[in-house]
Amino acid sequence: MGSDLTDAVWGSGLGVSLEVQELGRKVAQCSDRVEEVLAGFHEVQLLNWESPAGQAYRDAVGLQAVAVRRAADRLREASAAVAAHARAALTSECSAGGRY
């Protein structure tokens, strides 16, 4: 967690907040990557498929895109929750003993 000096000056909330902020950064990076994947799905869906098999593939990609979109929405919600927790830790609204 935080260093002894940091804890002495700011209390343990700062150390917890910094760790949670790092977790939030990782969640945000994951969310960004999911958006890139969704953009790739969108590109596939825009292709002009001539054959029935090609059309079926595009339809399957569309279904996967819907599932990935739901996951992206949940990642954004998680990112907001992590940010709120980091703020709470900084303002000592949560204890370091609970480890998040």
PDB file of N, CA and C in Angstrom:
ATOM      1  N   MET A   1       0.835  -1.173   0.000  1.00  0.00           N
ATOM      2  CA  MET A   1       0.000   0.000   0.000  1.00  0.00           C
ATOM      3  C   MET A   1       0.876   1.230   0.000  1.00  0.00           C
ATOM      4  N   GLY A   2       0.552   2.284   0.746  1.00  0.00           N
ATOM      5  CA  GLY A   2       1.331   3.503   0.741  1.00  0.00           C
ATOM      6  C   GLY A   2       2.600   3.366   1.557  1.00  0.00           C
ATOM      7  N   SER A   3       3.490   4.321   1.420  1.00  0.00           N
ATOM      8  CA  SER A   3       4.719   4.304   2.198  1.00  0.00           C
ATOM      9  C   SER A   3       4.435   4.866   3.580  1.00  0.00           C
ATOM     10  N   ASP A   4       5.352   4.622   4.520  1.00  0.00           N
ATOM     11  CA  ASP A   4       5.181   5.142   5.871  1.00  0.00           C
ATOM     12  C   ASP A   4       5.128   6.665   5.868  1.00  0.00           C
ATOM     13  N   LEU A   5       5.964   7.323   5.057  1.00  0.00           N
ATOM     14  CA  LEU A   5       5.980   8.773   4.993  1.00  0.00           C
ATOM     15  C   LEU A   5       4.662   9.306   4.423  1.00  0.00           C
ATOM     16  N   THR A   6       4.192   8.692   3.336  1.00  0.00           N
ATOM     17  CA  THR A   6       2.926   9.116   2.742  1.00  0.00           C
ATOM     18  C   THR A   6       1.799   8.936   3.741  1.00  0.00           C
ATOM     19  N   ASP A   7       1.773   7.790   4.416  1.00  0.00           N
ATOM     20  CA  ASP A   7       0.718   7.526   5.395  1.00  0.00           C
ATOM     21  C   ASP A   7       0.783   8.522   6.538  1.00  0.00           C
ATOM     22  N   ALA A   8       1.998   8.900   6.953  1.00  0.00           N
ATOM     23  CA  ALA A   8       2.144   9.842   8.053  1.00  0.00           C
ATOM     24  C   ALA A   8       1.617  11.221   7.676  1.00  0.00           C
ATOM     25  N   VAL A   9       1.849  11.629   6.436  1.00  0.00           N
ATOM     26  CA  VAL A   9       1.428  12.958   6.004  1.00  0.00           C
ATOM     27  C   VAL A   9      -0.041  12.975   5.604  1.00  0.00           C
ATOM     28  N   TRP A  10      -0.464  12.032   4.779  1.00  0.00           N
ATOM     29  CA  TRP A  10      -1.804  12.056   4.196  1.00  0.00           C
ATOM     30  C   TRP A  10      -2.758  11.028   4.789  1.00  0.00           C
ATOM     31  N   GLY A  11      -2.246  10.101   5.541  1.00  0.00           N
ATOM     32  CA  GLY A  11      -3.077   9.003   6.009  1.00  0.00           C
ATOM     33  C   GLY A  11      -3.090   7.900   4.967  1.00  0.00           C
ATOM     34  N   SER A  12      -3.629   6.775   5.325  1.00  0.00           N
ATOM     35  CA  SER A  12      -3.594   5.627   4.413  1.00  0.00           C
ATOM     36  C   SER A  12      -4.515   5.811   3.213  1.00  0.00           C
ATOM     37  N   GLY A  13      -5.444   6.754   3.279  1.00  0.00           N
ATOM     38  CA  GLY A  13      -6.380   6.964   2.177  1.00  0.00           C
ATOM     39  C   GLY A  13      -5.694   7.296   0.877  1.00  0.00           C
ATOM     40  N   LEU A  14      -4.598   8.052   0.925  1.00  0.00           N
ATOM     41  CA  LEU A  14      -3.897   8.421  -0.307  1.00  0.00           C
ATOM     42  C   LEU A  14      -3.298   7.191  -0.983  1.00  0.00           C
ATOM     43  N   GLY A  15      -2.670   6.330  -0.198  1.00  0.00           N
ATOM     44  CA  GLY A  15      -2.077   5.120  -0.775  1.00  0.00           C
ATOM     45  C   GLY A  15      -3.129   4.231  -1.411  1.00  0.00           C
ATOM     46  N   VAL A  16      -4.247   4.066  -0.718  1.00  0.00           N
ATOM     47  CA  VAL A  16      -5.335   3.257  -1.264  1.00  0.00           C
ATOM     48  C   VAL A  16      -5.874   3.919  -2.532  1.00  0.00           C
ATOM     49  N   SER A  17      -6.057   5.243  -2.476  1.00  0.00           N
ATOM     50  CA  SER A  17      -6.583   5.957  -3.640  1.00  0.00           C
ATOM     51  C   SER A  17      -5.664   5.795  -4.842  1.00  0.00           C
ATOM     52  N   LEU A  18      -4.365   5.881  -4.627  1.00  0.00           N
ATOM     53  CA  LEU A  18      -3.420   5.734  -5.743  1.00  0.00           C
ATOM     54  C   LEU A  18      -3.487   4.341  -6.346  1.00  0.00           C
ATOM     55  N   GLU A  19      -3.596   3.327  -5.501  1.00  0.00           N
ATOM     56  CA  GLU A  19      -3.701   1.958  -6.008  1.00  0.00           C
ATOM     57  C   GLU A  19      -4.999   1.766  -6.783  1.00  0.00           C
ATOM     58  N   VAL A  20      -6.068   2.313  -6.279  1.00  0.00           N
ATOM     59  CA  VAL A  20      -7.364   2.168  -6.947  1.00  0.00           C
ATOM     60  C   VAL A  20      -7.357   2.970  -8.260  1.00  0.00           C
ATOM     61  N   GLN A  21      -6.703   4.128  -8.259  1.00  0.00           N
ATOM     62  CA  GLN A  21      -6.592   4.895  -9.499  1.00  0.00           C
ATOM     63  C   GLN A  21      -5.828   4.114 -10.562  1.00  0.00           C
ATOM     64  N   GLU A  22      -4.796   3.374 -10.166  1.00  0.00           N
ATOM     65  CA  GLU A  22      -4.048   2.542 -11.113  1.00  0.00           C
ATOM     66  C   GLU A  22      -4.963   1.455 -11.674  1.00  0.00           C
ATOM     67  N   LEU A  23      -5.764   0.859 -10.820  1.00  0.00           N
ATOM     68  CA  LEU A  23      -6.739  -0.127 -11.289  1.00  0.00           C
ATOM     69  C   LEU A  23      -7.713   0.524 -12.268  1.00  0.00           C
ATOM     70  N   GLY A  24      -8.156   1.723 -11.956  1.00  0.00           N
ATOM     71  CA  GLY A  24      -9.050   2.451 -12.841  1.00  0.00           C
ATOM     72  C   GLY A  24      -8.424   2.714 -14.201  1.00  0.00           C
ATOM     73  N   ARG A  25      -7.130   3.024 -14.206  1.00  0.00           N
ATOM     74  CA  ARG A  25      -6.419   3.233 -15.469  1.00  0.00           C
ATOM     75  C   ARG A  25      -6.434   1.958 -16.299  1.00  0.00           C
ATOM     76  N   LYS A  26      -6.230   0.830 -15.664  1.00  0.00           N
ATOM     77  CA  LYS A  26      -6.227  -0.442 -16.382  1.00  0.00           C
ATOM     78  C   LYS A  26      -7.620  -0.777 -16.925  1.00  0.00           C
ATOM     79  N   VAL A  27      -8.645  -0.489 -16.146  1.00  0.00           N
ATOM     80  CA  VAL A  27     -10.013  -0.725 -16.615  1.00  0.00           C
ATOM     81  C   VAL A  27     -10.308   0.168 -17.814  1.00  0.00           C
ATOM     82  N   ALA A  28      -9.865   1.425 -17.752  1.00  0.00           N
ATOM     83  CA  ALA A  28     -10.083   2.346 -18.871  1.00  0.00           C
ATOM     84  C   ALA A  28      -9.347   1.875 -20.123  1.00  0.00           C
ATOM     85  N   GLN A  29      -8.127   1.351 -19.962  1.00  0.00           N
ATOM     86  CA  GLN A  29      -7.389   0.816 -21.113  1.00  0.00           C
ATOM     87  C   GLN A  29      -8.135  -0.361 -21.721  1.00  0.00           C
ATOM     88  N   CYS A  30      -8.673  -1.208 -20.888  1.00  0.00           N
ATOM     89  CA  CYS A  30      -9.440  -2.360 -21.373  1.00  0.00           C
ATOM     90  C   CYS A  30     -10.674  -1.873 -22.133  1.00  0.00           C
ATOM     91  N   SER A  31     -11.333  -0.870 -21.605  1.00  0.00           N
ATOM     92  CA  SER A  31     -12.500  -0.304 -22.267  1.00  0.00           C
ATOM     93  C   SER A  31     -12.130   0.270 -23.632  1.00  0.00           C
ATOM     94  N   ASP A  32     -11.003   0.955 -23.704  1.00  0.00           N
ATOM     95  CA  ASP A  32     -10.538   1.501 -24.983  1.00  0.00           C
ATOM     96  C   ASP A  32     -10.291   0.390 -25.992  1.00  0.00           C
ATOM     97  N   ARG A  33      -9.699  -0.701 -25.545  1.00  0.00           N
ATOM     98  CA  ARG A  33      -9.415  -1.828 -26.446  1.00  0.00           C
ATOM     99  C   ARG A  33     -10.714  -2.462 -26.948  1.00  0.00           C
ATOM    100  N   VAL A  34     -11.697  -2.568 -26.072  1.00  0.00           N
ATOM    101  CA  VAL A  34     -12.988  -3.121 -26.472  1.00  0.00           C
ATOM    102  C   VAL A  34     -13.624  -2.237 -27.546  1.00  0.00           C
ATOM    103  N   GLU A  35     -13.491  -0.928 -27.403  1.00  0.00           N
ATOM    104  CA  GLU A  35     -14.031  -0.020 -28.419  1.00  0.00           C
ATOM    105  C   GLU A  35     -13.330  -0.230 -29.761  1.00  0.00           C
ATOM    106  N   GLU A  36     -12.028  -0.513 -29.734  1.00  0.00           N
ATOM    107  CA  GLU A  36     -11.301  -0.803 -30.973  1.00  0.00           C
ATOM    108  C   GLU A  36     -11.836  -2.074 -31.630  1.00  0.00           C
ATOM    109  N   VAL A  37     -12.106  -3.076 -30.821  1.00  0.00           N
ATOM    110  CA  VAL A  37     -12.666  -4.328 -31.341  1.00  0.00           C
ATOM    111  C   VAL A  37     -14.037  -4.071 -31.962  1.00  0.00           C
ATOM    112  N   LEU A  38     -14.842  -3.272 -31.288  1.00  0.00           N
ATOM    113  CA  LEU A  38     -16.157  -2.942 -31.837  1.00  0.00           C
ATOM    114  C   LEU A  38     -16.048  -2.212 -33.170  1.00  0.00           C
ATOM    115  N   ALA A  39     -15.068  -1.349 -33.294  1.00  0.00           N
ATOM    116  CA  ALA A  39     -14.863  -0.655 -34.569  1.00  0.00           C
ATOM    117  C   ALA A  39     -14.529  -1.662 -35.670  1.00  0.00           C
ATOM    118  N   GLY A  40     -13.738  -2.671 -35.333  1.00  0.00           N
ATOM    119  CA  GLY A  40     -13.426  -3.725 -36.302  1.00  0.00           C
ATOM    120  C   GLY A  40     -14.665  -4.509 -36.703  1.00  0.00           C
ATOM    121  N   PHE A  41     -15.519  -4.800 -35.733  1.00  0.00           N
ATOM    122  CA  PHE A  41     -16.786  -5.471 -36.046  1.00  0.00           C
ATOM    123  C   PHE A  41     -17.609  -4.621 -37.001  1.00  0.00           C
ATOM    124  N   HIS A  42     -17.653  -3.342 -36.747  1.00  0.00           N
ATOM    125  CA  HIS A  42     -18.430  -2.438 -37.588  1.00  0.00           C
ATOM    126  C   HIS A  42     -17.904  -2.442 -39.028  1.00  0.00           C
ATOM    127  N   GLU A  43     -16.589  -2.461 -39.165  1.00  0.00           N
ATOM    128  CA  GLU A  43     -15.995  -2.512 -40.504  1.00  0.00           C
ATOM    129  C   GLU A  43     -16.403  -3.782 -41.235  1.00  0.00           C
ATOM    130  N   VAL A  44     -16.414  -4.905 -40.527  1.00  0.00           N
ATOM    131  CA  VAL A  44     -16.818  -6.171 -41.146  1.00  0.00           C
ATOM    132  C   VAL A  44     -18.275  -6.095 -41.579  1.00  0.00           C
ATOM    133  N   GLN A  45     -19.100  -5.490 -40.750  1.00  0.00           N
ATOM    134  CA  GLN A  45     -20.520  -5.405 -41.079  1.00  0.00           C
ATOM    135  C   GLN A  45     -20.772  -4.511 -42.286  1.00  0.00           C
ATOM    136  N   LEU A  46     -19.887  -3.582 -42.563  1.00  0.00           N
ATOM    137  CA  LEU A  46     -20.075  -2.685 -43.702  1.00  0.00           C
ATOM    138  C   LEU A  46     -19.633  -3.299 -45.028  1.00  0.00           C
ATOM    139  N   LEU A  47     -18.905  -4.401 -44.963  1.00  0.00           N
ATOM    140  CA  LEU A  47     -18.450  -5.044 -46.195  1.00  0.00           C
ATOM    141  C   LEU A  47     -19.644  -5.560 -46.990  1.00  0.00           C
ATOM    142  N   ASN A  48     -19.505  -5.537 -48.290  1.00  0.00           N
ATOM    143  CA  ASN A  48     -20.570  -6.004 -49.174  1.00  0.00           C
ATOM    144  C   ASN A  48     -20.411  -7.510 -49.382  1.00  0.00           C
ATOM    145  N   TRP A  49     -21.247  -8.283 -48.733  1.00  0.00           N
ATOM    146  CA  TRP A  49     -21.179  -9.733 -48.825  1.00  0.00           C
ATOM    147  C   TRP A  49     -22.116 -10.207 -49.919  1.00  0.00           C
ATOM    148  N   GLU A  50     -21.584 -10.927 -50.866  1.00  0.00           N
ATOM    149  CA  GLU A  50     -22.374 -11.426 -51.993  1.00  0.00           C
ATOM    150  C   GLU A  50     -22.988 -12.797 -51.715  1.00  0.00           C
ATOM    151  N   SER A  51     -22.262 -13.669 -51.082  1.00  0.00           N
ATOM    152  CA  SER A  51     -22.731 -15.050 -50.909  1.00  0.00           C
ATOM    153  C   SER A  51     -23.585 -15.185 -49.642  1.00  0.00           C
ATOM    154  N   PRO A  52     -24.408 -16.224 -49.595  1.00  0.00           N
ATOM    155  CA  PRO A  52     -25.175 -16.489 -48.375  1.00  0.00           C
ATOM    156  C   PRO A  52     -24.264 -16.759 -47.172  1.00  0.00           C
ATOM    157  N   ALA A  53     -23.146 -17.439 -47.410  1.00  0.00           N
ATOM    158  CA  ALA A  53     -22.214 -17.709 -46.313  1.00  0.00           C
ATOM    159  C   ALA A  53     -21.601 -16.402 -45.799  1.00  0.00           C
ATOM    160  N   GLY A  54     -21.261 -15.515 -46.704  1.00  0.00           N
ATOM    161  CA  GLY A  54     -20.723 -14.217 -46.299  1.00  0.00           C
ATOM    162  C   GLY A  54     -21.733 -13.414 -45.506  1.00  0.00           C
ATOM    163  N   GLN A  55     -22.975 -13.445 -45.937  1.00  0.00           N
ATOM    164  CA  GLN A  55     -24.041 -12.739 -45.221  1.00  0.00           C
ATOM    165  C   GLN A  55     -24.238 -13.349 -43.835  1.00  0.00           C
ATOM    166  N   ALA A  56     -24.192 -14.674 -43.746  1.00  0.00           N
ATOM    167  CA  ALA A  56     -24.340 -15.344 -42.452  1.00  0.00           C
ATOM    168  C   ALA A  56     -23.197 -14.951 -41.513  1.00  0.00           C
ATOM    169  N   TYR A  57     -21.989 -14.854 -42.063  1.00  0.00           N
ATOM    170  CA  TYR A  57     -20.834 -14.439 -41.257  1.00  0.00           C
ATOM    171  C   TYR A  57     -21.047 -13.017 -40.737  1.00  0.00           C
ATOM    172  N   ARG A  58     -21.479 -12.127 -41.600  1.00  0.00           N
ATOM    173  CA  ARG A  58     -21.711 -10.750 -41.197  1.00  0.00           C
ATOM    174  C   ARG A  58     -22.790 -10.688 -40.115  1.00  0.00           C
ATOM    175  N   ASP A  59     -23.833 -11.483 -40.254  1.00  0.00           N
ATOM    176  CA  ASP A  59     -24.883 -11.526 -39.240  1.00  0.00           C
ATOM    177  C   ASP A  59     -24.336 -12.027 -37.899  1.00  0.00           C
ATOM    178  N   ALA A  60     -23.484 -13.058 -37.960  1.00  0.00           N
ATOM    179  CA  ALA A  60     -22.882 -13.584 -36.732  1.00  0.00           C
ATOM    180  C   ALA A  60     -21.993 -12.536 -36.068  1.00  0.00           C
ATOM    181  N   VAL A  61     -21.252 -11.791 -36.872  1.00  0.00           N
ATOM    182  CA  VAL A  61     -20.420 -10.714 -36.335  1.00  0.00           C
ATOM    183  C   VAL A  61     -21.301  -9.661 -35.668  1.00  0.00           C
ATOM    184  N   GLY A  62     -22.443  -9.388 -36.260  1.00  0.00           N
ATOM    185  CA  GLY A  62     -23.371  -8.429 -35.677  1.00  0.00           C
ATOM    186  C   GLY A  62     -23.863  -8.859 -34.305  1.00  0.00           C
ATOM    187  N   LEU A  63     -24.156 -10.141 -34.174  1.00  0.00           N
ATOM    188  CA  LEU A  63     -24.590 -10.662 -32.869  1.00  0.00           C
ATOM    189  C   LEU A  63     -23.467 -10.558 -31.837  1.00  0.00           C
ATOM    190  N   GLN A  64     -22.260 -10.863 -32.262  1.00  0.00           N
ATOM    191  CA  GLN A  64     -21.113 -10.737 -31.353  1.00  0.00           C
ATOM    192  C   GLN A  64     -20.891  -9.277 -30.955  1.00  0.00           C
ATOM    193  N   ALA A  65     -21.099  -8.379 -31.900  1.00  0.00           N
ATOM    194  CA  ALA A  65     -20.924  -6.954 -31.608  1.00  0.00           C
ATOM    195  C   ALA A  65     -21.898  -6.493 -30.528  1.00  0.00           C
ATOM    196  N   VAL A  66     -23.117  -7.013 -30.562  1.00  0.00           N
ATOM    197  CA  VAL A  66     -24.101  -6.659 -29.537  1.00  0.00           C
ATOM    198  C   VAL A  66     -23.611  -7.118 -28.166  1.00  0.00           C
ATOM    199  N   ALA A  67     -23.098  -8.337 -28.078  1.00  0.00           N
ATOM    200  CA  ALA A  67     -22.593  -8.858 -26.806  1.00  0.00           C
ATOM    201  C   ALA A  67     -21.385  -8.051 -26.325  1.00  0.00           C
ATOM    202  N   VAL A  68     -20.506  -7.712 -27.238  1.00  0.00           N
ATOM    203  CA  VAL A  68     -19.316  -6.938 -26.860  1.00  0.00           C
ATOM    204  C   VAL A  68     -19.730  -5.530 -26.442  1.00  0.00           C
ATOM    205  N   ARG A  69     -20.737  -4.958 -27.080  1.00  0.00           N
ATOM    206  CA  ARG A  69     -21.231  -3.628 -26.694  1.00  0.00           C
ATOM    207  C   ARG A  69     -21.737  -3.652 -25.261  1.00  0.00           C
ATOM    208  N   ARG A  70     -22.453  -4.704 -24.897  1.00  0.00           N
ATOM    209  CA  ARG A  70     -22.937  -4.834 -23.512  1.00  0.00           C
ATOM    210  C   ARG A  70     -21.759  -4.907 -22.547  1.00  0.00           C
ATOM    211  N   ALA A  71     -20.743  -5.665 -22.915  1.00  0.00           N
ATOM    212  CA  ALA A  71     -19.554  -5.755 -22.067  1.00  0.00           C
ATOM    213  C   ALA A  71     -18.863  -4.395 -21.944  1.00  0.00           C
ATOM    214  N   ALA A  72     -18.811  -3.639 -23.037  1.00  0.00           N
ATOM    215  CA  ALA A  72     -18.200  -2.307 -23.007  1.00  0.00           C
ATOM    216  C   ALA A  72     -18.989  -1.388 -22.077  1.00  0.00           C
ATOM    217  N   ASP A  73     -20.294  -1.495 -22.113  1.00  0.00           N
ATOM    218  CA  ASP A  73     -21.119  -0.682 -21.217  1.00  0.00           C
ATOM    219  C   ASP A  73     -20.833  -1.027 -19.761  1.00  0.00           C
ATOM    220  N   ARG A  74     -20.673  -2.294 -19.480  1.00  0.00           N
ATOM    221  CA  ARG A  74     -20.356  -2.718 -18.110  1.00  0.00           C
ATOM    222  C   ARG A  74     -18.963  -2.252 -17.694  1.00  0.00           C
ATOM    223  N   LEU A  75     -18.030  -2.269 -18.627  1.00  0.00           N
ATOM    224  CA  LEU A  75     -16.689  -1.759 -18.320  1.00  0.00           C
ATOM    225  C   LEU A  75     -16.723  -0.274 -17.979  1.00  0.00           C
ATOM    226  N   ARG A  76     -17.520   0.497 -18.705  1.00  0.00           N
ATOM    227  CA  ARG A  76     -17.637   1.927 -18.388  1.00  0.00           C
ATOM    228  C   ARG A  76     -18.250   2.118 -17.004  1.00  0.00           C
ATOM    229  N   GLU A  77     -19.253   1.316 -16.668  1.00  0.00           N
ATOM    230  CA  GLU A  77     -19.850   1.384 -15.336  1.00  0.00           C
ATOM    231  C   GLU A  77     -18.816   1.019 -14.266  1.00  0.00           C
ATOM    232  N   ALA A  78     -18.027  -0.006 -14.540  1.00  0.00           N
ATOM    233  CA  ALA A  78     -16.989  -0.408 -13.594  1.00  0.00           C
ATOM    234  C   ALA A  78     -15.942   0.685 -13.433  1.00  0.00           C
ATOM    235  N   SER A  79     -15.581   1.319 -14.525  1.00  0.00           N
ATOM    236  CA  SER A  79     -14.602   2.396 -14.470  1.00  0.00           C
ATOM    237  C   SER A  79     -15.111   3.540 -13.597  1.00  0.00           C
ATOM    238  N   ALA A  80     -16.379   3.883 -13.741  1.00  0.00           N
ATOM    239  CA  ALA A  80     -16.968   4.941 -12.914  1.00  0.00           C
ATOM    240  C   ALA A  80     -16.986   4.536 -11.443  1.00  0.00           C
ATOM    241  N   ALA A  81     -17.292   3.273 -11.164  1.00  0.00           N
ATOM    242  CA  ALA A  81     -17.310   2.797  -9.783  1.00  0.00           C
ATOM    243  C   ALA A  81     -15.912   2.819  -9.173  1.00  0.00           C
ATOM    244  N   VAL A  82     -14.906   2.435  -9.952  1.00  0.00           N
ATOM    245  CA  VAL A  82     -13.525   2.455  -9.464  1.00  0.00           C
ATOM    246  C   VAL A  82     -13.100   3.893  -9.172  1.00  0.00           C
ATOM    247  N   ALA A  83     -13.449   4.825 -10.058  1.00  0.00           N
ATOM    248  CA  ALA A  83     -13.107   6.235  -9.838  1.00  0.00           C
ATOM    249  C   ALA A  83     -13.787   6.762  -8.578  1.00  0.00           C
ATOM    250  N   ALA A  84     -15.034   6.397  -8.363  1.00  0.00           N
ATOM    251  CA  ALA A  84     -15.744   6.828  -7.159  1.00  0.00           C
ATOM    252  C   ALA A  84     -15.080   6.258  -5.913  1.00  0.00           C
ATOM    253  N   HIS A  85     -14.642   5.015  -5.990  1.00  0.00           N
ATOM    254  CA  HIS A  85     -13.973   4.393  -4.844  1.00  0.00           C
ATOM    255  C   HIS A  85     -12.634   5.083  -4.568  1.00  0.00           C
ATOM    256  N   ALA A  86     -11.920   5.438  -5.615  1.00  0.00           N
ATOM    257  CA  ALA A  86     -10.644   6.138  -5.428  1.00  0.00           C
ATOM    258  C   ALA A  86     -10.880   7.476  -4.727  1.00  0.00           C
ATOM    259  N   ARG A  87     -11.928   8.191  -5.126  1.00  0.00           N
ATOM    260  CA  ARG A  87     -12.253   9.461  -4.452  1.00  0.00           C
ATOM    261  C   ARG A  87     -12.638   9.226  -3.002  1.00  0.00           C
ATOM    262  N   ALA A  88     -13.421   8.172  -2.749  1.00  0.00           N
ATOM    263  CA  ALA A  88     -13.833   7.865  -1.382  1.00  0.00           C
ATOM    264  C   ALA A  88     -12.628   7.528  -0.516  1.00  0.00           C
ATOM    265  N   ALA A  89     -11.684   6.791  -1.072  1.00  0.00           N
ATOM    266  CA  ALA A  89     -10.480   6.438  -0.311  1.00  0.00           C
ATOM    267  C   ALA A  89      -9.675   7.687   0.012  1.00  0.00           C
ATOM    268  N   LEU A  90      -9.616   8.606  -0.923  1.00  0.00           N
ATOM    269  CA  LEU A  90      -8.851   9.829  -0.728  1.00  0.00           C
ATOM    270  C   LEU A  90      -9.469  10.698   0.360  1.00  0.00           C
ATOM    271  N   THR A  91     -10.773  10.690   0.439  1.00  0.00           N
ATOM    272  CA  THR A  91     -11.445  11.507   1.450  1.00  0.00           C
ATOM    273  C   THR A  91     -11.738  10.713   2.715  1.00  0.00           C
ATOM    274  N   SER A  92     -11.105   9.555   2.831  1.00  0.00           N
ATOM    275  CA  SER A  92     -11.235   8.701   4.031  1.00  0.00           C
ATOM    276  C   SER A  92     -12.646   8.207   4.267  1.00  0.00           C
ATOM    277  N   GLU A  93     -13.412   8.053   3.200  1.00  0.00           N
ATOM    278  CA  GLU A  93     -14.748   7.495   3.331  1.00  0.00           C
ATOM    279  C   GLU A  93     -14.728   5.975   3.356  1.00  0.00           C
ATOM    280  N   CYS A  94     -13.551   5.418   3.191  1.00  0.00           N
ATOM    281  CA  CYS A  94     -13.409   3.971   3.320  1.00  0.00           C
ATOM    282  C   CYS A  94     -12.112   3.701   4.066  1.00  0.00           C
ATOM    283  N   SER A  95     -12.002   2.542   4.635  1.00  0.00           N
ATOM    284  CA  SER A  95     -10.811   2.244   5.424  1.00  0.00           C
ATOM    285  C   SER A  95      -9.805   1.443   4.614  1.00  0.00           C
ATOM    286  N   ALA A  96      -8.541   1.635   4.935  1.00  0.00           N
ATOM    287  CA  ALA A  96      -7.488   0.872   4.261  1.00  0.00           C
ATOM    288  C   ALA A  96      -7.477  -0.563   4.739  1.00  0.00           C
ATOM    289  N   GLY A  97      -7.992  -0.812   5.937  1.00  0.00           N
ATOM    290  CA  GLY A  97      -8.000  -2.167   6.473  1.00  0.00           C
ATOM    291  C   GLY A  97      -8.819  -3.110   5.635  1.00  0.00           C
ATOM    292  N   GLY A  98      -9.803  -2.597   4.920  1.00  0.00           N
ATOM    293  CA  GLY A  98     -10.644  -3.426   4.062  1.00  0.00           C
ATOM    294  C   GLY A  98     -10.026  -3.738   2.730  1.00  0.00           C
ATOM    295  N   ARG A  99      -8.920  -3.123   2.425  1.00  0.00           N
ATOM    296  CA  ARG A  99      -8.184  -3.330   1.154  1.00  0.00           C
ATOM    297  C   ARG A  99      -9.071  -3.108  -0.049  1.00  0.00           C
ATOM    298  N   TYR A 100      -9.838  -2.112  -0.144  1.00  0.00           N
ATOM    299  CA  TYR A 100     -10.670  -1.767  -1.291  1.00  0.00           C
ATOM    300  C   TYR A 100     -12.066  -2.146  -0.957  1.00  0.00           C
TER     301      TYR A 100
END
